Protein backbone atom coordinates (compact mmCIF):
# COMPACT_ATOMS: atom_id res chain seq x y z
CA MET A 1 -0.02 0.00 0.04
CA LYS A 2 1.51 3.26 -1.01
CA LYS A 3 1.67 5.99 1.66
CA LYS A 4 0.04 9.33 1.08
CA LYS A 5 2.24 12.30 1.03
CA LEU A 6 1.08 15.02 3.47
CA SER A 7 0.67 18.69 2.38
CA ILE A 8 2.60 21.37 4.38
CA GLU A 9 -0.66 22.34 6.01
CA GLN A 10 -1.49 18.78 6.98
CA CYS A 11 2.05 18.30 8.50
CA ALA A 12 1.75 21.56 10.48
CA GLY A 13 -1.84 20.63 11.68
CA LEU A 14 -0.70 17.23 12.82
CA LEU A 15 2.42 18.63 14.55
CA GLU A 16 0.19 20.95 16.40
CA VAL A 17 -2.25 18.14 17.52
CA LEU A 18 0.80 15.99 18.62
CA GLN A 19 2.41 18.83 20.53
CA LYS A 20 -0.75 19.69 22.45
CA ARG A 21 -1.07 15.96 23.43
CA PHE A 22 2.60 15.65 24.34
CA GLU A 23 2.19 18.83 26.64
CA LYS A 24 -1.08 17.65 28.11
CA HIS A 25 0.21 14.19 29.06
CA ILE A 26 3.73 15.00 30.23
CA GLU A 27 3.37 12.16 32.59
CA ARG A 28 3.88 9.71 29.67
CA HIS A 29 7.34 11.14 28.95
CA PRO A 30 8.52 13.35 31.90
CA ASP A 31 12.17 13.39 30.70
CA LEU A 32 11.54 14.41 27.07
CA GLN A 33 11.41 17.79 25.20
CA TRP A 34 8.98 18.50 22.44
CA THR A 35 11.37 20.35 20.41
CA ALA A 36 13.65 17.23 19.99
CA VAL A 37 10.55 15.16 19.08
CA GLN A 38 9.45 17.62 16.61
CA ALA A 39 12.93 17.95 14.92
CA LYS A 40 13.01 14.08 14.54
CA LEU A 41 9.49 14.14 13.06
CA GLU A 42 10.46 16.91 10.59
CA ALA A 43 13.52 14.89 9.46
CA HIS A 44 11.32 11.76 8.71
CA PRO A 45 8.07 13.07 6.86
CA ASP A 46 7.22 9.50 5.94
CA LYS A 47 6.59 8.88 9.59
CA LEU A 48 4.29 11.81 9.68
CA ALA A 49 2.07 10.11 7.19
CA SER A 50 1.95 6.95 9.47
CA LEU A 51 1.11 9.21 12.48
CA MET A 52 -1.66 10.81 10.48
CA GLU A 53 -3.10 7.36 9.89
CA MET A 54 -2.92 6.63 13.55
CA GLU A 55 -4.64 9.89 14.34
CA GLN A 56 -7.31 9.43 11.63
CA THR A 57 -8.39 6.17 13.13
CA GLU A 58 -8.66 7.69 16.52
CA GLY A 59 -5.52 6.19 18.05
CA GLU A 60 -4.49 9.46 19.75
CA PRO A 61 -0.58 8.73 19.21
CA ASP A 62 1.70 10.17 21.81
CA VAL A 63 5.38 9.64 22.68
CA LEU A 64 5.80 6.85 25.14
CA PHE A 65 9.56 6.36 25.15
CA TYR A 66 13.04 7.27 23.80
CA ASN A 67 15.56 4.75 23.04
CA LYS A 68 19.03 6.32 23.42
CA GLU A 69 20.81 3.29 21.70
CA THR A 70 18.83 3.67 18.47
CA ASP A 71 18.05 7.48 18.96
CA GLU A 72 14.39 6.72 18.25
CA TYR A 73 11.16 7.97 19.90
CA GLY A 74 8.23 5.55 20.37
CA PHE A 75 4.86 6.65 19.47
CA VAL A 76 2.02 4.56 20.73
CA ASP A 77 -1.77 4.79 20.40
CA CYS A 78 -2.90 6.27 23.74
CA ALA A 79 -6.74 6.56 23.11
CA ALA A 80 -8.68 5.35 26.26
CA GLU A 81 -10.15 2.49 24.28
CA SER A 82 -8.82 0.56 21.40
CA PRO A 83 -8.99 2.82 18.30
CA LYS A 84 -12.43 2.98 16.79
CA GLY A 85 -11.20 3.10 13.25
CA ARG A 86 -9.31 -0.21 13.77
CA ARG A 87 -11.82 -2.71 15.16
CA SER A 88 -13.65 -5.86 14.01
CA LEU A 89 -10.51 -7.27 12.40
CA CYS A 90 -9.08 -10.78 12.69
CA TYR A 91 -5.45 -11.23 13.73
CA ASP A 92 -3.49 -11.70 10.47
CA ALA A 93 -3.84 -12.61 6.76
CA GLU A 94 -3.71 -16.34 7.38
CA ALA A 95 -6.63 -15.96 9.88
CA LEU A 96 -8.57 -13.95 7.26
CA ALA A 97 -8.04 -16.52 4.72
CA SER A 98 -9.17 -19.34 6.85
CA ARG A 99 -12.58 -17.68 7.48
CA LYS A 100 -15.14 -19.40 5.27
CA GLU A 101 -18.04 -16.92 5.88
CA HIS A 102 -18.64 -13.70 7.57
CA LYS A 103 -15.03 -12.52 6.91
CA PRO A 104 -14.00 -9.19 8.44
CA LYS A 105 -12.72 -6.43 6.01
CA ASN A 106 -9.07 -7.06 6.94
CA SER A 107 -6.63 -8.16 9.56
CA ALA A 108 -4.90 -6.23 12.40
CA VAL A 109 -1.33 -7.13 11.19
CA ALA A 110 -2.07 -6.13 7.66
CA VAL A 111 -3.62 -2.78 8.51
CA ALA A 112 -0.63 -2.09 11.01
CA GLU A 113 1.83 -2.83 8.41
CA ALA A 114 0.07 -0.68 5.79
CA MET A 115 0.26 2.16 8.40
CA GLY A 116 4.00 1.59 8.62
CA ALA A 117 3.89 0.48 12.29
CA SER A 118 3.54 -2.72 14.29
CA LEU A 119 1.23 -4.29 16.79
CA LEU A 120 2.27 -3.79 20.50
CA ASP A 121 3.82 -6.87 22.04
CA GLU A 122 2.93 -7.89 25.73
CA ALA A 123 5.74 -5.85 27.22
CA GLN A 124 4.88 -2.67 25.26
CA TYR A 125 1.25 -3.02 26.18
CA GLN A 126 2.18 -3.36 29.88
CA GLN A 127 4.47 -0.29 29.46
CA LEU A 128 1.48 1.71 28.01
CA GLN A 129 -0.87 0.48 30.79
CA GLU A 130 1.66 1.90 33.41
CA THR A 131 1.10 5.42 31.99
CA GLY A 132 -2.78 5.23 32.50
CA LYS A 133 -5.82 2.98 32.32
CA TYR A 134 -6.60 1.81 28.80
CA ASP A 135 -8.96 -0.69 27.30
CA LEU A 136 -11.49 -0.70 30.08
CA LYS A 137 -14.32 -1.48 27.77
CA THR A 138 -12.45 -2.70 24.69
CA SER A 139 -9.54 -5.05 24.10
CA SER A 140 -6.51 -4.87 21.75
CA TRP A 141 -4.83 -7.66 19.67
CA LEU A 142 -1.09 -7.91 20.64
CA LYS A 143 1.83 -9.14 18.57
CA THR A 144 1.73 -12.95 19.16
CA PRO A 145 4.70 -15.15 19.63
CA ASP A 146 5.23 -17.61 16.75
CA ALA A 147 4.79 -20.63 19.13
CA VAL A 148 1.26 -19.37 19.87
CA ARG A 149 0.36 -18.30 16.27
CA THR A 150 1.43 -21.66 14.72
CA LEU A 151 -1.15 -23.37 16.95
CA GLY A 152 -3.91 -21.06 15.61
CA GLY A 153 -4.08 -18.66 18.43
CA ALA A 154 -3.43 -14.97 18.97
CA LEU A 155 -3.05 -12.78 22.03
CA PHE A 156 -5.01 -9.83 23.07
CA GLY A 157 -4.99 -7.53 26.20
CA ASP A 158 -7.25 -5.33 28.17
CA ARG A 159 -7.67 -3.84 31.71
CA ARG A 160 -10.36 -5.25 34.07
CA TYR A 161 -10.75 -5.18 37.78
CA ASN A 162 -7.75 -2.76 37.98
CA ARG A 163 -5.43 -5.27 36.45
CA VAL A 164 -3.93 -5.71 32.98
CA PHE A 165 -4.67 -9.11 31.50
CA THR A 166 -3.27 -10.94 28.45
CA TYR A 167 -5.62 -13.54 26.83
CA HIS A 168 -5.74 -15.81 23.88
CA ASN A 169 -8.37 -16.37 21.18
CA GLY A 170 -8.48 -17.98 17.83
CA ALA A 171 -6.65 -15.66 15.32
CA GLU A 172 -9.59 -15.81 13.00
CA SER A 173 -12.04 -14.30 15.60
CA TYR A 174 -13.05 -10.71 15.51
CA TYR A 175 -15.25 -8.49 17.70
CA ALA A 176 -16.69 -4.97 17.51
CA ALA A 177 -14.90 -4.28 20.88
CA ARG A 178 -11.45 -5.53 19.73
CA GLY A 179 -9.12 -3.45 17.87
CA PHE A 180 -5.31 -3.06 17.97
CA ARG A 181 -2.70 -0.52 19.07
CA VAL A 182 0.53 0.20 17.37
CA LEU A 183 4.02 1.23 17.91
CA LEU A 184 5.80 3.67 15.47
CA THR A 185 9.47 4.50 16.02
CA VAL A 186 10.80 7.66 14.59
């Protein structure tokens, strides 16, 4: 899938939205400065297109970490519930192909890849949950280890009873309340 190139106005508008969210939720990244994040984003306009897709599907992306070794910022979907524009999807292309009827429109892995991002794994999902309370009414597909996936399963997580849970389901399943969250490194 070919990425859309953003206009100057779209880039400026997105940067403004991201800056406001960054400043409003400083608890997610107390040791980071917006000017450094913005400079990194401006140096990688292709990443802005991915962030725009995250924003347009109601993911509310925000910076969750900075990796000094790779000199990369990690943007994660921080919407309170699994992004509305990314629900009712099975796990991956294999799961989608295995459905004989009532197929969803796509798979979480395929949509994430088309966005230029990747599903959160269990550790990243746990890290997100340490910054707030997410998926109180929804759930999110998680990057599934090959050992589980080869047996037909896939992982998802949510927060219930003030705890974060990781569960399993058949990869071909899909629900109106299950979406996915992504990680985009810049």
